[in-house]
Amino acid sequence: MQAIANGRNATLTSIAWVVSEAGSFVLLAPLSIAFLLLRRWKRPADDIALLVIAAGSALLPITVKLIVARPRPTIEHLSQLSSLSFPSEHTTQAAAVYLTIAIMLSAGLTRGWREAAIVLGVLIALAVAWSRVYLGVHYPTDVAAGLLLGWSWALLVFHWARPKLIQDHPAMGRVAGE
């Protein structure tokens, strides 16, 4: 951690601030809502899944923080935070929401484009994770846990709960207007 703090420079710090915001609730909540509005409730089961994933990815890390109660790193923080450290909320939310949007956007695409969309979602989450460590507000294990929690939550909801919803209410899985 100290090596990261010692190697900081103005350019990387500016980049880290911008990238870090890509995982903030303030950005991800409106992004999720805008994405759903642009889809016009196209496939209700997918849209409900995104809402559940976005809400859960905001609440799960807060709950885990209360249980683990790990303080922030002791190195110089480039951001003043008073909350606990483990897991990273920004990273959890970025991992869950960007992966879900990538899965939803890639539906119907060829395999190569589908993989590219999912890789892009994963890379954005990894960049957010890097930024949180670089800014000194999280340990690497905090962001690793955030990535695992976010991706696990997204996959759990999207690939387990969503099909159950479609099974119980078949119309929820159809494209609107069919």
C-alpha atoms as a PDB file:
ATOM      1  CA  MET A   1       0.000   0.000   0.000  1.00  0.00           C
ATOM      2  CA  GLN A   2       2.802   2.387   0.872  1.00  0.00           C
ATOM      3  CA  ALA A   3       4.489   1.707  -2.485  1.00  0.00           C
ATOM      4  CA  ILE A   4       1.295   2.782  -4.244  1.00  0.00           C
ATOM      5  CA  ALA A   5       1.085   5.960  -2.163  1.00  0.00           C
ATOM      6  CA  ASN A   6       4.739   6.763  -2.872  1.00  0.00           C
ATOM      7  CA  GLY A   7       4.246   6.300  -6.626  1.00  0.00           C
ATOM      8  CA  ARG A   8       1.283   8.631  -7.027  1.00  0.00           C
ATOM      9  CA  ASN A   9       1.396  11.452  -9.556  1.00  0.00           C
ATOM     10  CA  ALA A  10      -1.049  14.169 -10.575  1.00  0.00           C
ATOM     11  CA  THR A  11      -2.076  12.559 -13.860  1.00  0.00           C
ATOM     12  CA  LEU A  12      -2.802   9.133 -12.382  1.00  0.00           C
ATOM     13  CA  THR A  13      -4.563  10.720  -9.430  1.00  0.00           C
ATOM     14  CA  SER A  14      -6.880  12.638 -11.781  1.00  0.00           C
ATOM     15  CA  ILE A  15      -7.594   9.460 -13.737  1.00  0.00           C
ATOM     16  CA  ALA A  16      -8.244   7.532 -10.509  1.00  0.00           C
ATOM     17  CA  TRP A  17     -10.794  10.137  -9.355  1.00  0.00           C
ATOM     18  CA  VAL A  18     -12.735   9.885 -12.618  1.00  0.00           C
ATOM     19  CA  VAL A  19     -12.588   6.081 -12.721  1.00  0.00           C
ATOM     20  CA  SER A  20     -13.618   5.833  -9.066  1.00  0.00           C
ATOM     21  CA  GLU A  21     -16.789   7.803  -9.779  1.00  0.00           C
ATOM     22  CA  ALA A  22     -17.773   5.140 -12.345  1.00  0.00           C
ATOM     23  CA  GLY A  23     -18.536   2.941  -9.337  1.00  0.00           C
ATOM     24  CA  SER A  24     -20.441   5.477  -7.272  1.00  0.00           C
ATOM     25  CA  PHE A  25     -24.112   5.066  -6.438  1.00  0.00           C
ATOM     26  CA  VAL A  26     -24.627   8.661  -7.572  1.00  0.00           C
ATOM     27  CA  LEU A  27     -23.659   7.597 -11.114  1.00  0.00           C
ATOM     28  CA  LEU A  28     -24.849   3.986 -11.183  1.00  0.00           C
ATOM     29  CA  ALA A  29     -28.415   4.582  -9.931  1.00  0.00           C
ATOM     30  CA  PRO A  30     -29.269   7.107 -12.684  1.00  0.00           C
ATOM     31  CA  LEU A  31     -27.351   5.011 -15.252  1.00  0.00           C
ATOM     32  CA  SER A  32     -29.439   1.948 -14.376  1.00  0.00           C
ATOM     33  CA  ILE A  33     -32.682   3.931 -14.532  1.00  0.00           C
ATOM     34  CA  ALA A  34     -31.708   5.557 -17.844  1.00  0.00           C
ATOM     35  CA  PHE A  35     -30.794   2.158 -19.279  1.00  0.00           C
ATOM     36  CA  LEU A  36     -34.197   0.782 -18.274  1.00  0.00           C
ATOM     37  CA  LEU A  37     -36.037   3.803 -19.687  1.00  0.00           C
ATOM     38  CA  LEU A  38     -34.195   3.469 -23.002  1.00  0.00           C
ATOM     39  CA  ARG A  39     -35.198  -0.192 -23.129  1.00  0.00           C
ATOM     40  CA  ARG A  40     -38.867   0.775 -22.567  1.00  0.00           C
ATOM     41  CA  TRP A  41     -39.489  -2.235 -20.321  1.00  0.00           C
ATOM     42  CA  LYS A  42     -38.540  -4.379 -23.314  1.00  0.00           C
ATOM     43  CA  ARG A  43     -38.086  -7.623 -21.387  1.00  0.00           C
ATOM     44  CA  PRO A  44     -39.601  -7.213 -17.905  1.00  0.00           C
ATOM     45  CA  ALA A  45     -37.727 -10.089 -16.231  1.00  0.00           C
ATOM     46  CA  ASP A  46     -34.365  -8.630 -17.313  1.00  0.00           C
ATOM     47  CA  ASP A  47     -35.377  -5.140 -16.240  1.00  0.00           C
ATOM     48  CA  ILE A  48     -36.541  -6.312 -12.812  1.00  0.00           C
ATOM     49  CA  ALA A  49     -33.273  -8.258 -12.469  1.00  0.00           C
ATOM     50  CA  LEU A  50     -31.260  -5.075 -13.123  1.00  0.00           C
ATOM     51  CA  LEU A  51     -33.260  -3.178 -10.479  1.00  0.00           C
ATOM     52  CA  VAL A  52     -32.751  -5.957  -7.913  1.00  0.00           C
ATOM     53  CA  ILE A  53     -29.043  -6.237  -8.777  1.00  0.00           C
ATOM     54  CA  ALA A  54     -28.480  -2.467  -8.544  1.00  0.00           C
ATOM     55  CA  ALA A  55     -30.319  -2.197  -5.212  1.00  0.00           C
ATOM     56  CA  GLY A  56     -28.663  -5.295  -3.783  1.00  0.00           C
ATOM     57  CA  SER A  57     -25.191  -4.200  -4.844  1.00  0.00           C
ATOM     58  CA  ALA A  58     -25.748  -0.980  -2.896  1.00  0.00           C
ATOM     59  CA  LEU A  59     -27.077  -2.713   0.235  1.00  0.00           C
ATOM     60  CA  LEU A  60     -24.924  -5.860   0.427  1.00  0.00           C
ATOM     61  CA  PRO A  61     -21.566  -4.148   1.007  1.00  0.00           C
ATOM     62  CA  ILE A  62     -23.064  -1.920   3.704  1.00  0.00           C
ATOM     63  CA  THR A  63     -24.328  -5.010   5.519  1.00  0.00           C
ATOM     64  CA  VAL A  64     -20.984  -6.805   5.208  1.00  0.00           C
ATOM     65  CA  LYS A  65     -19.144  -3.686   6.430  1.00  0.00           C
ATOM     66  CA  LEU A  66     -21.210  -3.718   9.617  1.00  0.00           C
ATOM     67  CA  ILE A  67     -20.350  -7.373  10.214  1.00  0.00           C
ATOM     68  CA  VAL A  68     -16.623  -7.192   9.377  1.00  0.00           C
ATOM     69  CA  ALA A  69     -16.000  -3.668  10.749  1.00  0.00           C
ATOM     70  CA  ARG A  70     -12.592  -3.253   9.091  1.00  0.00           C
ATOM     71  CA  PRO A  71     -11.135   0.266   9.280  1.00  0.00           C
ATOM     72  CA  ARG A  72      -9.761   2.099   6.252  1.00  0.00           C
ATOM     73  CA  PRO A  73      -6.053   1.799   5.373  1.00  0.00           C
ATOM     74  CA  THR A  74      -3.738   3.947   7.468  1.00  0.00           C
ATOM     75  CA  ILE A  75      -1.830   5.402   4.505  1.00  0.00           C
ATOM     76  CA  GLU A  76      -2.640   8.869   3.202  1.00  0.00           C
ATOM     77  CA  HIS A  77      -6.161   8.885   1.744  1.00  0.00           C
ATOM     78  CA  LEU A  78      -6.811  11.125  -1.221  1.00  0.00           C
ATOM     79  CA  SER A  79     -10.436  11.155  -0.134  1.00  0.00           C
ATOM     80  CA  GLN A  80     -11.776  11.661   3.375  1.00  0.00           C
ATOM     81  CA  LEU A  81     -14.142   8.841   4.251  1.00  0.00           C
ATOM     82  CA  SER A  82     -15.517   7.890   7.631  1.00  0.00           C
ATOM     83  CA  SER A  83     -17.162   4.602   6.688  1.00  0.00           C
ATOM     84  CA  LEU A  84     -15.634   1.162   7.076  1.00  0.00           C
ATOM     85  CA  SER A  85     -13.434  -0.435   4.445  1.00  0.00           C
ATOM     86  CA  PHE A  86     -14.403  -4.074   3.719  1.00  0.00           C
ATOM     87  CA  PRO A  87     -15.779  -4.631   1.091  1.00  0.00           C
ATOM     88  CA  SER A  88     -15.536  -1.727  -1.335  1.00  0.00           C
ATOM     89  CA  GLU A  89     -19.007  -0.374  -2.115  1.00  0.00           C
ATOM     90  CA  HIS A  90     -17.858   1.304  -5.334  1.00  0.00           C
ATOM     91  CA  THR A  91     -16.276  -1.919  -6.566  1.00  0.00           C
ATOM     92  CA  THR A  92     -19.241  -4.104  -5.587  1.00  0.00           C
ATOM     93  CA  GLN A  93     -21.686  -1.809  -7.373  1.00  0.00           C
ATOM     94  CA  ALA A  94     -19.494  -1.437 -10.458  1.00  0.00           C
ATOM     95  CA  ALA A  95     -18.964  -5.198 -10.748  1.00  0.00           C
ATOM     96  CA  ALA A  96     -22.673  -5.988 -10.418  1.00  0.00           C
ATOM     97  CA  VAL A  97     -24.196  -3.225 -12.515  1.00  0.00           C
ATOM     98  CA  TYR A  98     -21.710  -3.139 -15.412  1.00  0.00           C
ATOM     99  CA  LEU A  99     -21.750  -6.943 -15.759  1.00  0.00           C
ATOM    100  CA  THR A 100     -25.559  -6.968 -15.780  1.00  0.00           C
ATOM    101  CA  ILE A 101     -25.798  -4.182 -18.345  1.00  0.00           C
ATOM    102  CA  ALA A 102     -23.193  -5.975 -20.493  1.00  0.00           C
ATOM    103  CA  ILE A 103     -25.184  -9.218 -20.336  1.00  0.00           C
ATOM    104  CA  MET A 104     -28.391  -7.386 -21.226  1.00  0.00           C
ATOM    105  CA  LEU A 105     -26.793  -5.428 -24.078  1.00  0.00           C
ATOM    106  CA  SER A 106     -25.133  -8.501 -25.511  1.00  0.00           C
ATOM    107  CA  ALA A 107     -28.329 -10.548 -25.815  1.00  0.00           C
ATOM    108  CA  GLY A 108     -28.816 -11.351 -29.469  1.00  0.00           C
ATOM    109  CA  LEU A 109     -25.274 -10.431 -30.492  1.00  0.00           C
ATOM    110  CA  THR A 110     -22.824 -12.827 -32.085  1.00  0.00           C
ATOM    111  CA  ARG A 111     -20.518 -14.655 -29.708  1.00  0.00           C
ATOM    112  CA  GLY A 112     -17.534 -12.350 -30.354  1.00  0.00           C
ATOM    113  CA  TRP A 113     -19.505  -9.168 -29.686  1.00  0.00           C
ATOM    114  CA  ARG A 114     -21.186 -10.741 -26.665  1.00  0.00           C
ATOM    115  CA  GLU A 115     -17.801 -11.632 -25.177  1.00  0.00           C
ATOM    116  CA  ALA A 116     -16.469  -8.141 -25.959  1.00  0.00           C
ATOM    117  CA  ALA A 117     -19.398  -6.503 -24.132  1.00  0.00           C
ATOM    118  CA  ILE A 118     -18.909  -8.702 -21.075  1.00  0.00           C
ATOM    119  CA  VAL A 119     -15.132  -8.153 -21.078  1.00  0.00           C
ATOM    120  CA  LEU A 120     -15.758  -4.386 -21.206  1.00  0.00           C
ATOM    121  CA  GLY A 121     -18.089  -4.621 -18.184  1.00  0.00           C
ATOM    122  CA  VAL A 122     -15.457  -6.618 -16.291  1.00  0.00           C
ATOM    123  CA  LEU A 123     -12.678  -4.179 -17.251  1.00  0.00           C
ATOM    124  CA  ILE A 124     -14.666  -1.193 -15.989  1.00  0.00           C
ATOM    125  CA  ALA A 125     -15.135  -2.938 -12.627  1.00  0.00           C
ATOM    126  CA  LEU A 126     -11.426  -3.796 -12.463  1.00  0.00           C
ATOM    127  CA  ALA A 127     -10.554  -0.169 -13.216  1.00  0.00           C
ATOM    128  CA  VAL A 128     -12.815   1.012 -10.387  1.00  0.00           C
ATOM    129  CA  ALA A 129     -11.135  -1.507  -8.077  1.00  0.00           C
ATOM    130  CA  TRP A 130      -7.680  -0.197  -9.051  1.00  0.00           C
ATOM    131  CA  SER A 131      -8.771   3.411  -8.462  1.00  0.00           C
ATOM    132  CA  ARG A 132     -10.026   2.704  -4.942  1.00  0.00           C
ATOM    133  CA  VAL A 133      -6.687   1.158  -3.931  1.00  0.00           C
ATOM    134  CA  TYR A 134      -4.722   3.903  -5.703  1.00  0.00           C
ATOM    135  CA  LEU A 135      -6.669   6.590  -3.828  1.00  0.00           C
ATOM    136  CA  GLY A 136      -5.722   4.873  -0.574  1.00  0.00           C
ATOM    137  CA  VAL A 137      -9.288   4.278   0.594  1.00  0.00           C
ATOM    138  CA  HIS A 138      -9.226   0.470   0.318  1.00  0.00           C
ATOM    139  CA  TYR A 139      -6.917  -2.472   0.787  1.00  0.00           C
ATOM    140  CA  PRO A 140      -6.551  -4.794  -2.231  1.00  0.00           C
ATOM    141  CA  THR A 141      -8.583  -7.417  -0.355  1.00  0.00           C
ATOM    142  CA  ASP A 142     -11.444  -4.910   0.028  1.00  0.00           C
ATOM    143  CA  VAL A 143     -11.745  -4.460  -3.717  1.00  0.00           C
ATOM    144  CA  ALA A 144     -11.206  -8.177  -4.436  1.00  0.00           C
ATOM    145  CA  ALA A 145     -14.108  -8.935  -2.095  1.00  0.00           C
ATOM    146  CA  GLY A 146     -16.159  -6.192  -3.765  1.00  0.00           C
ATOM    147  CA  LEU A 147     -15.545  -7.699  -7.197  1.00  0.00           C
ATOM    148  CA  LEU A 148     -16.486 -11.191  -6.025  1.00  0.00           C
ATOM    149  CA  LEU A 149     -19.547  -9.949  -4.156  1.00  0.00           C
ATOM    150  CA  GLY A 150     -20.773  -7.817  -7.076  1.00  0.00           C
ATOM    151  CA  TRP A 151     -20.227 -10.431  -9.774  1.00  0.00           C
ATOM    152  CA  SER A 152     -21.682 -13.206  -7.599  1.00  0.00           C
ATOM    153  CA  TRP A 153     -24.769 -11.151  -6.768  1.00  0.00           C
ATOM    154  CA  ALA A 154     -25.333 -10.237 -10.420  1.00  0.00           C
ATOM    155  CA  LEU A 155     -24.957 -13.825 -11.615  1.00  0.00           C
ATOM    156  CA  LEU A 156     -27.088 -15.187  -8.789  1.00  0.00           C
ATOM    157  CA  VAL A 157     -29.972 -12.853  -9.605  1.00  0.00           C
ATOM    158  CA  PHE A 158     -29.628 -12.920 -13.384  1.00  0.00           C
ATOM    159  CA  HIS A 159     -29.071 -16.645 -13.836  1.00  0.00           C
ATOM    160  CA  TRP A 160     -31.069 -18.092 -10.944  1.00  0.00           C
ATOM    161  CA  ALA A 161     -33.796 -15.709  -9.736  1.00  0.00           C
ATOM    162  CA  ARG A 162     -34.654 -14.264 -13.175  1.00  0.00           C
ATOM    163  CA  PRO A 163     -35.348 -17.682 -14.765  1.00  0.00           C
ATOM    164  CA  LYS A 164     -37.513 -18.559 -11.745  1.00  0.00           C
ATOM    165  CA  LEU A 165     -39.522 -15.352 -12.331  1.00  0.00           C
ATOM    166  CA  ILE A 166     -39.934 -16.269 -16.009  1.00  0.00           C
ATOM    167  CA  GLN A 167     -40.959 -19.821 -15.073  1.00  0.00           C
ATOM    168  CA  ASP A 168     -43.635 -18.508 -12.699  1.00  0.00           C
ATOM    169  CA  HIS A 169     -44.740 -15.692 -15.071  1.00  0.00           C
ATOM    170  CA  PRO A 170     -43.862 -16.623 -18.688  1.00  0.00           C
ATOM    171  CA  ALA A 171     -44.907 -13.245 -20.098  1.00  0.00           C
ATOM    172  CA  MET A 172     -42.117 -11.580 -18.078  1.00  0.00           C
ATOM    173  CA  GLY A 173     -39.502 -13.285 -20.252  1.00  0.00           C
ATOM    174  CA  ARG A 174     -40.909 -12.240 -23.592  1.00  0.00           C
ATOM    175  CA  VAL A 175     -39.938  -9.161 -25.506  1.00  0.00           C
ATOM    176  CA  ALA A 176     -42.681  -6.516 -25.176  1.00  0.00           C
ATOM    177  CA  GLY A 177     -45.036  -6.500 -28.136  1.00  0.00           C
ATOM    178  CA  GLU A 178     -44.641 -10.195 -28.989  1.00  0.00           C
END
